[in-house]
Amino acid sequence: MSDNTERFSQNVPGKYYVAKVCIACSLCSEISPEHFAENLDEDIPVGNCYVCKQPENEDEESLCREAMETCPAGAIRDDGNE
């Protein structure tokens, strides 16, 4: 099993990232499609989500925080490098 802090390589650098415990439910991309995307690469058996854009203002930060708090797998983290 993956370490809860092991990140997907697709995450853009910054505060938020998705860890490899993601279950690909895509809830985060429904909450904030500007910040979270789904990896639908056919070469991997199970897809995953990742951070495609870091928040740039308070409203975007709020959406990312909501996605993190709603994530059923607890895969969204906010301890990345700023």
C-alpha atoms as a PDB file:
ATOM      1  CA  MET A   1       0.000   0.000   0.000  1.00  0.00           C
ATOM      2  CA  SER A   2       1.217   3.492  -0.800  1.00  0.00           C
ATOM      3  CA  ASP A   3       2.412   5.915   1.824  1.00  0.00           C
ATOM      4  CA  ASN A   4      -0.314   8.497   2.474  1.00  0.00           C
ATOM      5  CA  THR A   5       2.118  11.306   1.600  1.00  0.00           C
ATOM      6  CA  GLU A   6       3.370   9.762  -1.647  1.00  0.00           C
ATOM      7  CA  ARG A   7       2.295  12.153  -4.389  1.00  0.00           C
ATOM      8  CA  PHE A   8       1.182  11.549  -7.937  1.00  0.00           C
ATOM      9  CA  SER A   9       3.712  12.974 -10.386  1.00  0.00           C
ATOM     10  CA  GLN A  10       0.972  14.903 -12.220  1.00  0.00           C
ATOM     11  CA  ASN A  11       0.428  17.278  -9.257  1.00  0.00           C
ATOM     12  CA  VAL A  12       1.632  20.804  -9.993  1.00  0.00           C
ATOM     13  CA  PRO A  13       4.089  22.163  -7.406  1.00  0.00           C
ATOM     14  CA  GLY A  14       2.561  24.004  -4.481  1.00  0.00           C
ATOM     15  CA  LYS A  15       0.631  23.728  -1.252  1.00  0.00           C
ATOM     16  CA  TYR A  16      -1.990  21.196  -2.367  1.00  0.00           C
ATOM     17  CA  TYR A  17      -1.397  17.731  -3.803  1.00  0.00           C
ATOM     18  CA  VAL A  18      -3.183  14.396  -4.173  1.00  0.00           C
ATOM     19  CA  ALA A  19      -1.557  11.395  -2.507  1.00  0.00           C
ATOM     20  CA  LYS A  20      -1.480   7.908  -4.001  1.00  0.00           C
ATOM     21  CA  VAL A  21      -4.280   6.744  -1.713  1.00  0.00           C
ATOM     22  CA  CYS A  22      -6.717   8.418  -4.145  1.00  0.00           C
ATOM     23  CA  ILE A  23      -9.615   6.128  -5.076  1.00  0.00           C
ATOM     24  CA  ALA A  24     -10.482   8.063  -8.259  1.00  0.00           C
ATOM     25  CA  CYS A  25     -13.959   9.032  -7.105  1.00  0.00           C
ATOM     26  CA  SER A  26     -13.552  12.402  -8.925  1.00  0.00           C
ATOM     27  CA  LEU A  27     -15.441  14.301  -6.229  1.00  0.00           C
ATOM     28  CA  CYS A  28     -12.644  16.866  -6.025  1.00  0.00           C
ATOM     29  CA  SER A  29     -12.856  17.615  -9.747  1.00  0.00           C
ATOM     30  CA  GLU A  30     -16.616  18.042  -9.377  1.00  0.00           C
ATOM     31  CA  ILE A  31     -16.146  20.532  -6.523  1.00  0.00           C
ATOM     32  CA  SER A  32     -13.303  22.444  -8.153  1.00  0.00           C
ATOM     33  CA  PRO A  33     -12.688  21.468 -11.791  1.00  0.00           C
ATOM     34  CA  GLU A  34     -10.277  24.374 -12.233  1.00  0.00           C
ATOM     35  CA  HIS A  35      -7.912  22.896  -9.617  1.00  0.00           C
ATOM     36  CA  PHE A  36      -8.381  19.132  -9.800  1.00  0.00           C
ATOM     37  CA  ALA A  37      -8.252  16.917 -12.870  1.00  0.00           C
ATOM     38  CA  GLU A  38      -8.698  13.216 -13.529  1.00  0.00           C
ATOM     39  CA  ASN A  39      -5.918  11.101 -14.988  1.00  0.00           C
ATOM     40  CA  LEU A  40      -7.685   8.904 -17.488  1.00  0.00           C
ATOM     41  CA  ASP A  41      -4.549   7.388 -19.001  1.00  0.00           C
ATOM     42  CA  GLU A  42      -5.468   4.017 -20.452  1.00  0.00           C
ATOM     43  CA  ASP A  43      -2.034   2.626 -19.518  1.00  0.00           C
ATOM     44  CA  ILE A  44      -2.866   2.606 -15.816  1.00  0.00           C
ATOM     45  CA  PRO A  45      -5.368   0.124 -14.376  1.00  0.00           C
ATOM     46  CA  VAL A  46      -7.084   2.625 -12.066  1.00  0.00           C
ATOM     47  CA  GLY A  47      -7.319   6.345 -12.703  1.00  0.00           C
ATOM     48  CA  ASN A  48      -6.543   9.018 -10.183  1.00  0.00           C
ATOM     49  CA  CYS A  49      -7.098  12.697  -9.606  1.00  0.00           C
ATOM     50  CA  TYR A  50      -4.385  15.313  -9.188  1.00  0.00           C
ATOM     51  CA  VAL A  51      -3.931  19.028  -8.586  1.00  0.00           C
ATOM     52  CA  CYS A  52      -3.695  20.742 -11.965  1.00  0.00           C
ATOM     53  CA  LYS A  53      -3.675  24.332 -10.650  1.00  0.00           C
ATOM     54  CA  GLN A  54      -2.881  25.783  -7.245  1.00  0.00           C
ATOM     55  CA  PRO A  55      -5.334  28.311  -5.736  1.00  0.00           C
ATOM     56  CA  GLU A  56      -4.541  31.959  -6.405  1.00  0.00           C
ATOM     57  CA  ASN A  57      -7.028  33.733  -4.151  1.00  0.00           C
ATOM     58  CA  GLU A  58      -9.291  33.216  -1.132  1.00  0.00           C
ATOM     59  CA  ASP A  59     -12.243  31.877  -3.124  1.00  0.00           C
ATOM     60  CA  GLU A  60     -10.071  29.302  -4.898  1.00  0.00           C
ATOM     61  CA  GLU A  61      -8.428  28.380  -1.590  1.00  0.00           C
ATOM     62  CA  SER A  62     -11.890  27.785  -0.143  1.00  0.00           C
ATOM     63  CA  LEU A  63     -12.801  25.416  -3.000  1.00  0.00           C
ATOM     64  CA  CYS A  64      -9.575  23.431  -2.571  1.00  0.00           C
ATOM     65  CA  ARG A  65     -10.142  23.206   1.172  1.00  0.00           C
ATOM     66  CA  GLU A  66     -13.729  22.001   0.571  1.00  0.00           C
ATOM     67  CA  ALA A  67     -12.453  19.319  -1.818  1.00  0.00           C
ATOM     68  CA  MET A  68      -9.839  18.257   0.728  1.00  0.00           C
ATOM     69  CA  GLU A  69     -12.368  18.040   3.563  1.00  0.00           C
ATOM     70  CA  THR A  70     -14.852  16.129   1.373  1.00  0.00           C
ATOM     71  CA  CYS A  71     -12.366  13.605  -0.068  1.00  0.00           C
ATOM     72  CA  PRO A  72     -13.542  10.147   1.095  1.00  0.00           C
ATOM     73  CA  ALA A  73     -10.023   8.707   0.906  1.00  0.00           C
ATOM     74  CA  GLY A  74      -8.324  11.634   2.637  1.00  0.00           C
ATOM     75  CA  ALA A  75      -5.990  11.815  -0.361  1.00  0.00           C
ATOM     76  CA  ILE A  76      -5.859  15.602  -0.778  1.00  0.00           C
ATOM     77  CA  ARG A  77      -3.104  17.213   1.269  1.00  0.00           C
ATOM     78  CA  ASP A  78      -2.194  20.808   1.946  1.00  0.00           C
ATOM     79  CA  ASP A  79       1.342  20.446   3.218  1.00  0.00           C
ATOM     80  CA  GLY A  80       3.184  20.781  -0.060  1.00  0.00           C
ATOM     81  CA  ASN A  81       5.801  23.433  -0.715  1.00  0.00           C
ATOM     82  CA  GLU A  82       4.503  26.923  -1.301  1.00  0.00           C
END
